[in-house]
Amino acid sequence: MDVTPRKRTKIVTLHVHTAKTYREIASVVGVSLATVSRVINWKQETGSVSPKCKGKCGRKKKTTPRYDAYLLRQSTLQNE
């Protein structure tokens, strides 16, 4: 869900301060109906409009610190 923080805020503001339906909000902001639903549900669950990762986010590293150092040494040796 790549929605800018400005659009997230606009979605929540329209939901709270107007009587617009999710479909109307989606057409005004220019996002899908599912996105409006997710943003509003996220706001109700967390109290925030910005998505935050819980715990450790992202992909885990495939290399160890020792192997990273080895690769760095090898790359500097090849450049000389």
PDB file of N, CA and C in Angstrom:
ATOM      1  N   MET A   1       0.854  -1.167   0.000  1.00  0.00           N
ATOM      2  CA  MET A   1       0.000   0.000   0.000  1.00  0.00           C
ATOM      3  C   MET A   1       0.903   1.235   0.000  1.00  0.00           C
ATOM      4  N   ASP A   2       1.224   1.716  -1.163  1.00  0.00           N
ATOM      5  CA  ASP A   2       2.060   2.898  -1.283  1.00  0.00           C
ATOM      6  C   ASP A   2       1.188   4.139  -1.359  1.00  0.00           C
ATOM      7  N   VAL A   3       0.797   4.617  -0.196  1.00  0.00           N
ATOM      8  CA  VAL A   3      -0.038   5.809  -0.108  1.00  0.00           C
ATOM      9  C   VAL A   3       0.757   6.849   0.668  1.00  0.00           C
ATOM     10  N   THR A   4       0.822   8.048   0.138  1.00  0.00           N
ATOM     11  CA  THR A   4       1.589   9.096   0.799  1.00  0.00           C
ATOM     12  C   THR A   4       0.947   9.465   2.134  1.00  0.00           C
ATOM     13  N   PRO A   5       1.745   9.967   3.068  1.00  0.00           N
ATOM     14  CA  PRO A   5       1.190  10.393   4.356  1.00  0.00           C
ATOM     15  C   PRO A   5       0.096  11.449   4.191  1.00  0.00           C
ATOM     16  N   ARG A   6       0.238  12.306   3.197  1.00  0.00           N
ATOM     17  CA  ARG A   6      -0.773  13.341   2.955  1.00  0.00           C
ATOM     18  C   ARG A   6      -2.110  12.709   2.566  1.00  0.00           C
ATOM     19  N   LYS A   7      -2.061  11.686   1.710  1.00  0.00           N
ATOM     20  CA  LYS A   7      -3.298  11.008   1.312  1.00  0.00           C
ATOM     21  C   LYS A   7      -3.910  10.260   2.490  1.00  0.00           C
ATOM     22  N   ARG A   8      -3.070   9.634   3.316  1.00  0.00           N
ATOM     23  CA  ARG A   8      -3.579   8.934   4.504  1.00  0.00           C
ATOM     24  C   ARG A   8      -4.332   9.906   5.409  1.00  0.00           C
ATOM     25  N   THR A   9      -3.722  11.060   5.648  1.00  0.00           N
ATOM     26  CA  THR A   9      -4.344  12.068   6.505  1.00  0.00           C
ATOM     27  C   THR A   9      -5.652  12.559   5.896  1.00  0.00           C
ATOM     28  N   LYS A  10      -5.656  12.749   4.589  1.00  0.00           N
ATOM     29  CA  LYS A  10      -6.871  13.214   3.917  1.00  0.00           C
ATOM     30  C   LYS A  10      -7.984  12.175   4.035  1.00  0.00           C
ATOM     31  N   ILE A  11      -7.632  10.897   3.895  1.00  0.00           N
ATOM     32  CA  ILE A  11      -8.626   9.823   4.023  1.00  0.00           C
ATOM     33  C   ILE A  11      -9.257   9.848   5.403  1.00  0.00           C
ATOM     34  N   VAL A  12      -8.415   9.911   6.435  1.00  0.00           N
ATOM     35  CA  VAL A  12      -8.927   9.893   7.811  1.00  0.00           C
ATOM     36  C   VAL A  12      -9.735  11.152   8.100  1.00  0.00           C
ATOM     37  N   THR A  13      -9.269  12.297   7.635  1.00  0.00           N
ATOM     38  CA  THR A  13      -9.984  13.555   7.862  1.00  0.00           C
ATOM     39  C   THR A  13     -11.362  13.527   7.209  1.00  0.00           C
ATOM     40  N   LEU A  14     -11.421  13.067   5.972  1.00  0.00           N
ATOM     41  CA  LEU A  14     -12.718  12.980   5.292  1.00  0.00           C
ATOM     42  C   LEU A  14     -13.650  12.005   6.001  1.00  0.00           C
ATOM     43  N   HIS A  15     -13.101  10.933   6.508  1.00  0.00           N
ATOM     44  CA  HIS A  15     -13.926   9.944   7.204  1.00  0.00           C
ATOM     45  C   HIS A  15     -14.491  10.503   8.509  1.00  0.00           C
ATOM     46  N   VAL A  16     -13.651  11.220   9.249  1.00  0.00           N
ATOM     47  CA  VAL A  16     -14.060  11.721  10.564  1.00  0.00           C
ATOM     48  C   VAL A  16     -14.977  12.939  10.450  1.00  0.00           C
ATOM     49  N   HIS A  17     -14.660  13.868   9.550  1.00  0.00           N
ATOM     50  CA  HIS A  17     -15.350  15.158   9.525  1.00  0.00           C
ATOM     51  C   HIS A  17     -16.446  15.300   8.473  1.00  0.00           C
ATOM     52  N   THR A  18     -16.640  14.297   7.646  1.00  0.00           N
ATOM     53  CA  THR A  18     -17.714  14.371   6.659  1.00  0.00           C
ATOM     54  C   THR A  18     -18.552  13.102   6.730  1.00  0.00           C
ATOM     55  N   ALA A  19     -19.639  13.124   6.028  1.00  0.00           N
ATOM     56  CA  ALA A  19     -20.519  11.949   5.992  1.00  0.00           C
ATOM     57  C   ALA A  19     -20.295  11.149   4.712  1.00  0.00           C
ATOM     58  N   LYS A  20     -19.111  11.276   4.130  1.00  0.00           N
ATOM     59  CA  LYS A  20     -18.822  10.585   2.875  1.00  0.00           C
ATOM     60  C   LYS A  20     -18.647   9.085   3.116  1.00  0.00           C
ATOM     61  N   THR A  21     -19.032   8.306   2.114  1.00  0.00           N
ATOM     62  CA  THR A  21     -18.836   6.862   2.178  1.00  0.00           C
ATOM     63  C   THR A  21     -17.394   6.537   1.791  1.00  0.00           C
ATOM     64  N   TYR A  22     -16.997   5.301   2.040  1.00  0.00           N
ATOM     65  CA  TYR A  22     -15.648   4.872   1.651  1.00  0.00           C
ATOM     66  C   TYR A  22     -15.451   5.036   0.147  1.00  0.00           C
ATOM     67  N   ARG A  23     -16.477   4.719  -0.619  1.00  0.00           N
ATOM     68  CA  ARG A  23     -16.387   4.834  -2.074  1.00  0.00           C
ATOM     69  C   ARG A  23     -16.179   6.288  -2.503  1.00  0.00           C
ATOM     70  N   GLU A  24     -16.890   7.215  -1.880  1.00  0.00           N
ATOM     71  CA  GLU A  24     -16.733   8.641  -2.202  1.00  0.00           C
ATOM     72  C   GLU A  24     -15.346   9.140  -1.804  1.00  0.00           C
ATOM     73  N   ILE A  25     -14.867   8.708  -0.643  1.00  0.00           N
ATOM     74  CA  ILE A  25     -13.524   9.101  -0.198  1.00  0.00           C
ATOM     75  C   ILE A  25     -12.485   8.585  -1.182  1.00  0.00           C
ATOM     76  N   ALA A  26     -12.649   7.342  -1.625  1.00  0.00           N
ATOM     77  CA  ALA A  26     -11.706   6.750  -2.577  1.00  0.00           C
ATOM     78  C   ALA A  26     -11.651   7.549  -3.869  1.00  0.00           C
ATOM     79  N   SER A  27     -12.797   7.985  -4.366  1.00  0.00           N
ATOM     80  CA  SER A  27     -12.801   8.746  -5.621  1.00  0.00           C
ATOM     81  C   SER A  27     -12.222  10.145  -5.436  1.00  0.00           C
ATOM     82  N   VAL A  28     -12.464  10.769  -4.282  1.00  0.00           N
ATOM     83  CA  VAL A  28     -11.924  12.112  -4.024  1.00  0.00           C
ATOM     84  C   VAL A  28     -10.401  12.067  -3.902  1.00  0.00           C
ATOM     85  N   VAL A  29      -9.896  11.097  -3.148  1.00  0.00           N
ATOM     86  CA  VAL A  29      -8.457  11.024  -2.882  1.00  0.00           C
ATOM     87  C   VAL A  29      -7.705  10.388  -4.049  1.00  0.00           C
ATOM     88  N   GLY A  30      -8.376   9.523  -4.792  1.00  0.00           N
ATOM     89  CA  GLY A  30      -7.729   8.875  -5.931  1.00  0.00           C
ATOM     90  C   GLY A  30      -7.049   7.570  -5.568  1.00  0.00           C
ATOM     91  N   VAL A  31      -7.632   6.835  -4.647  1.00  0.00           N
ATOM     92  CA  VAL A  31      -7.111   5.527  -4.251  1.00  0.00           C
ATOM     93  C   VAL A  31      -8.246   4.513  -4.339  1.00  0.00           C
ATOM     94  N   SER A  32      -7.912   3.252  -4.112  1.00  0.00           N
ATOM     95  CA  SER A  32      -8.943   2.220  -4.195  1.00  0.00           C
ATOM     96  C   SER A  32      -9.786   2.181  -2.927  1.00  0.00           C
ATOM     97  N   LEU A  33     -10.918   1.542  -3.045  1.00  0.00           N
ATOM     98  CA  LEU A  33     -11.823   1.367  -1.912  1.00  0.00           C
ATOM     99  C   LEU A  33     -11.145   0.547  -0.812  1.00  0.00           C
ATOM    100  N   ALA A  34     -10.382  -0.471  -1.211  1.00  0.00           N
ATOM    101  CA  ALA A  34      -9.670  -1.305  -0.240  1.00  0.00           C
ATOM    102  C   ALA A  34      -8.636  -0.494   0.534  1.00  0.00           C
ATOM    103  N   THR A  35      -7.967   0.431  -0.146  1.00  0.00           N
ATOM    104  CA  THR A  35      -6.973   1.273   0.519  1.00  0.00           C
ATOM    105  C   THR A  35      -7.629   2.155   1.563  1.00  0.00           C
ATOM    106  N   VAL A  36      -8.764   2.734   1.227  1.00  0.00           N
ATOM    107  CA  VAL A  36      -9.494   3.569   2.189  1.00  0.00           C
ATOM    108  C   VAL A  36      -9.852   2.738   3.413  1.00  0.00           C
ATOM    109  N   SER A  37     -10.364   1.553   3.181  1.00  0.00           N
ATOM    110  CA  SER A  37     -10.751   0.674   4.278  1.00  0.00           C
ATOM    111  C   SER A  37      -9.556   0.327   5.161  1.00  0.00           C
ATOM    112  N   ARG A  38      -8.421  -0.017   4.536  1.00  0.00           N
ATOM    113  CA  ARG A  38      -7.221  -0.376   5.308  1.00  0.00           C
ATOM    114  C   ARG A  38      -6.700   0.794   6.122  1.00  0.00           C
ATOM    115  N   VAL A  39      -6.660   1.987   5.531  1.00  0.00           N
ATOM    116  CA  VAL A  39      -6.143   3.164   6.241  1.00  0.00           C
ATOM    117  C   VAL A  39      -7.033   3.494   7.438  1.00  0.00           C
ATOM    118  N   ILE A  40      -8.331   3.451   7.242  1.00  0.00           N
ATOM    119  CA  ILE A  40      -9.252   3.775   8.341  1.00  0.00           C
ATOM    120  C   ILE A  40      -9.182   2.710   9.435  1.00  0.00           C
ATOM    121  N   ASN A  41      -9.122   1.438   9.046  1.00  0.00           N
ATOM    122  CA  ASN A  41      -8.989   0.373  10.047  1.00  0.00           C
ATOM    123  C   ASN A  41      -7.683   0.500  10.816  1.00  0.00           C
ATOM    124  N   TRP A  42      -6.594   0.832  10.107  1.00  0.00           N
ATOM    125  CA  TRP A  42      -5.295   1.005  10.759  1.00  0.00           C
ATOM    126  C   TRP A  42      -5.356   2.145  11.774  1.00  0.00           C
ATOM    127  N   LYS A  43      -6.012   3.238  11.401  1.00  0.00           N
ATOM    128  CA  LYS A  43      -6.157   4.390  12.297  1.00  0.00           C
ATOM    129  C   LYS A  43      -6.946   4.002  13.544  1.00  0.00           C
ATOM    130  N   GLN A  44      -8.008   3.233  13.362  1.00  0.00           N
ATOM    131  CA  GLN A  44      -8.829   2.827  14.503  1.00  0.00           C
ATOM    132  C   GLN A  44      -8.092   1.850  15.418  1.00  0.00           C
ATOM    133  N   GLU A  45      -7.271   0.973  14.837  1.00  0.00           N
ATOM    134  CA  GLU A  45      -6.550  -0.019  15.635  1.00  0.00           C
ATOM    135  C   GLU A  45      -5.353   0.571  16.371  1.00  0.00           C
ATOM    136  N   THR A  46      -4.602   1.435  15.684  1.00  0.00           N
ATOM    137  CA  THR A  46      -3.341   1.921  16.253  1.00  0.00           C
ATOM    138  C   THR A  46      -3.394   3.366  16.724  1.00  0.00           C
ATOM    139  N   GLY A  47      -4.341   4.140  16.217  1.00  0.00           N
ATOM    140  CA  GLY A  47      -4.401   5.552  16.564  1.00  0.00           C
ATOM    141  C   GLY A  47      -3.457   6.404  15.743  1.00  0.00           C
ATOM    142  N   SER A  48      -2.810   5.803  14.753  1.00  0.00           N
ATOM    143  CA  SER A  48      -1.855   6.515  13.916  1.00  0.00           C
ATOM    144  C   SER A  48      -2.199   6.279  12.452  1.00  0.00           C
ATOM    145  N   VAL A  49      -1.861   7.241  11.603  1.00  0.00           N
ATOM    146  CA  VAL A  49      -2.105   7.046  10.178  1.00  0.00           C
ATOM    147  C   VAL A  49      -0.872   6.525   9.459  1.00  0.00           C
ATOM    148  N   SER A  50       0.285   6.578  10.108  1.00  0.00           N
ATOM    149  CA  SER A  50       1.496   6.106   9.448  1.00  0.00           C
ATOM    150  C   SER A  50       1.720   4.631   9.756  1.00  0.00           C
ATOM    151  N   PRO A  51       2.028   3.841   8.720  1.00  0.00           N
ATOM    152  CA  PRO A  51       2.259   2.420   8.961  1.00  0.00           C
ATOM    153  C   PRO A  51       3.614   2.209   9.622  1.00  0.00           C
ATOM    154  N   LYS A  52       3.641   1.425  10.631  1.00  0.00           N
ATOM    155  CA  LYS A  52       4.887   1.113  11.326  1.00  0.00           C
ATOM    156  C   LYS A  52       5.065  -0.393  11.315  1.00  0.00           C
ATOM    157  N   CYS A  53       6.283  -0.806  11.169  1.00  0.00           N
ATOM    158  CA  CYS A  53       6.571  -2.233  11.257  1.00  0.00           C
ATOM    159  C   CYS A  53       6.587  -2.630  12.720  1.00  0.00           C
ATOM    160  N   LYS A  54       6.089  -3.806  12.990  1.00  0.00           N
ATOM    161  CA  LYS A  54       6.120  -4.310  14.355  1.00  0.00           C
ATOM    162  C   LYS A  54       7.269  -5.302  14.449  1.00  0.00           C
ATOM    163  N   GLY A  55       8.128  -5.116  15.431  1.00  0.00           N
ATOM    164  CA  GLY A  55       9.268  -6.016  15.561  1.00  0.00           C
ATOM    165  C   GLY A  55      10.333  -5.690  14.542  1.00  0.00           C
ATOM    166  N   LYS A  56      11.038  -6.714  14.116  1.00  0.00           N
ATOM    167  CA  LYS A  56      12.097  -6.532  13.127  1.00  0.00           C
ATOM    168  C   LYS A  56      11.487  -6.624  11.739  1.00  0.00           C
ATOM    169  N   CYS A  57      11.615  -5.546  10.977  1.00  0.00           N
ATOM    170  CA  CYS A  57      10.999  -5.480   9.658  1.00  0.00           C
ATOM    171  C   CYS A  57      12.020  -5.785   8.577  1.00  0.00           C
ATOM    172  N   GLY A  58      11.513  -6.143   7.460  1.00  0.00           N
ATOM    173  CA  GLY A  58      12.370  -6.323   6.303  1.00  0.00           C
ATOM    174  C   GLY A  58      12.962  -7.711   6.200  1.00  0.00           C
ATOM    175  N   ARG A  59      13.726  -7.866   5.174  1.00  0.00           N
ATOM    176  CA  ARG A  59      14.343  -9.150   4.886  1.00  0.00           C
ATOM    177  C   ARG A  59      15.578  -9.345   5.746  1.00  0.00           C
ATOM    178  N   LYS A  60      15.773 -10.563   6.215  1.00  0.00           N
ATOM    179  CA  LYS A  60      16.940 -10.862   7.026  1.00  0.00           C
ATOM    180  C   LYS A  60      18.181 -10.935   6.142  1.00  0.00           C
ATOM    181  N   LYS A  61      19.341 -10.602   6.712  1.00  0.00           N
ATOM    182  CA  LYS A  61      20.589 -10.639   5.963  1.00  0.00           C
ATOM    183  C   LYS A  61      20.969 -12.077   5.651  1.00  0.00           C
ATOM    184  N   LYS A  62      21.509 -12.289   4.471  1.00  0.00           N
ATOM    185  CA  LYS A  62      21.965 -13.618   4.074  1.00  0.00           C
ATOM    186  C   LYS A  62      23.431 -13.828   4.424  1.00  0.00           C
ATOM    187  N   THR A  63      24.161 -12.740   4.646  1.00  0.00           N
ATOM    188  CA  THR A  63      25.582 -12.872   4.958  1.00  0.00           C
ATOM    189  C   THR A  63      25.833 -12.534   6.422  1.00  0.00           C
ATOM    190  N   THR A  64      26.896 -13.119   6.947  1.00  0.00           N
ATOM    191  CA  THR A  64      27.288 -12.852   8.328  1.00  0.00           C
ATOM    192  C   THR A  64      28.228 -11.652   8.345  1.00  0.00           C
ATOM    193  N   PRO A  65      28.429 -11.031   9.501  1.00  0.00           N
ATOM    194  CA  PRO A  65      29.398  -9.931   9.571  1.00  0.00           C
ATOM    195  C   PRO A  65      30.800 -10.370   9.141  1.00  0.00           C
ATOM    196  N   ARG A  66      31.152 -11.608   9.471  1.00  0.00           N
ATOM    197  CA  ARG A  66      32.476 -12.117   9.085  1.00  0.00           C
ATOM    198  C   ARG A  66      32.588 -12.206   7.563  1.00  0.00           C
ATOM    199  N   TYR A  67      31.551 -12.713   6.911  1.00  0.00           N
ATOM    200  CA  TYR A  67      31.567 -12.823   5.458  1.00  0.00           C
ATOM    201  C   TYR A  67      31.511 -11.441   4.804  1.00  0.00           C
ATOM    202  N   ASP A  68      30.812 -10.497   5.407  1.00  0.00           N
ATOM    203  CA  ASP A  68      30.794  -9.119   4.903  1.00  0.00           C
ATOM    204  C   ASP A  68      32.202  -8.535   4.888  1.00  0.00           C
ATOM    205  N   ALA A  69      32.941  -8.762   5.977  1.00  0.00           N
ATOM    206  CA  ALA A  69      34.319  -8.267   6.062  1.00  0.00           C
ATOM    207  C   ALA A  69      35.186  -8.928   4.994  1.00  0.00           C
ATOM    208  N   TYR A  70      34.994 -10.226   4.789  1.00  0.00           N
ATOM    209  CA  TYR A  70      35.744 -10.948   3.761  1.00  0.00           C
ATOM    210  C   TYR A  70      35.462 -10.361   2.377  1.00  0.00           C
ATOM    211  N   LEU A  71      34.203 -10.118   2.077  1.00  0.00           N
ATOM    212  CA  LEU A  71      33.841  -9.542   0.780  1.00  0.00           C
ATOM    213  C   LEU A  71      34.448  -8.156   0.594  1.00  0.00           C
ATOM    214  N   LEU A  72      34.467  -7.377   1.660  1.00  0.00           N
ATOM    215  CA  LEU A  72      35.062  -6.042   1.593  1.00  0.00           C
ATOM    216  C   LEU A  72      36.556  -6.131   1.298  1.00  0.00           C
ATOM    217  N   ARG A  73      37.236  -7.055   1.993  1.00  0.00           N
ATOM    218  CA  ARG A  73      38.672  -7.243   1.740  1.00  0.00           C
ATOM    219  C   ARG A  73      38.918  -7.678   0.300  1.00  0.00           C
ATOM    220  N   GLN A  74      38.120  -8.601  -0.193  1.00  0.00           N
ATOM    221  CA  GLN A  74      38.295  -9.095  -1.556  1.00  0.00           C
ATOM    222  C   GLN A  74      38.065  -7.989  -2.586  1.00  0.00           C
ATOM    223  N   SER A  75      37.089  -7.158  -2.350  1.00  0.00           N
ATOM    224  CA  SER A  75      36.802  -6.095  -3.316  1.00  0.00           C
ATOM    225  C   SER A  75      37.901  -5.042  -3.330  1.00  0.00           C
ATOM    226  N   THR A  76      38.491  -4.753  -2.165  1.00  0.00           N
ATOM    227  CA  THR A  76      39.579  -3.771  -2.141  1.00  0.00           C
ATOM    228  C   THR A  76      40.846  -4.350  -2.750  1.00  0.00           C
ATOM    229  N   LEU A  77      41.068  -5.653  -2.618  1.00  0.00           N
ATOM    230  CA  LEU A  77      42.239  -6.282  -3.230  1.00  0.00           C
ATOM    231  C   LEU A  77      42.124  -6.284  -4.749  1.00  0.00           C
ATOM    232  N   GLN A  78      40.937  -6.496  -5.260  1.00  0.00           N
ATOM    233  CA  GLN A  78      40.739  -6.542  -6.706  1.00  0.00           C
ATOM    234  C   GLN A  78      40.846  -5.159  -7.332  1.00  0.00           C
ATOM    235  N   ASN A  79      40.560  -4.123  -6.572  1.00  0.00           N
ATOM    236  CA  ASN A  79      40.611  -2.763  -7.108  1.00  0.00           C
ATOM    237  C   ASN A  79      42.030  -2.217  -7.158  1.00  0.00           C
ATOM    238  N   GLU A  80      42.948  -2.855  -6.469  1.00  0.00           N
ATOM    239  CA  GLU A  80      44.333  -2.340  -6.440  1.00  0.00           C
ATOM    240  C   GLU A  80      45.155  -2.844  -7.581  1.00  0.00           C
TER     241      GLU A  80
END
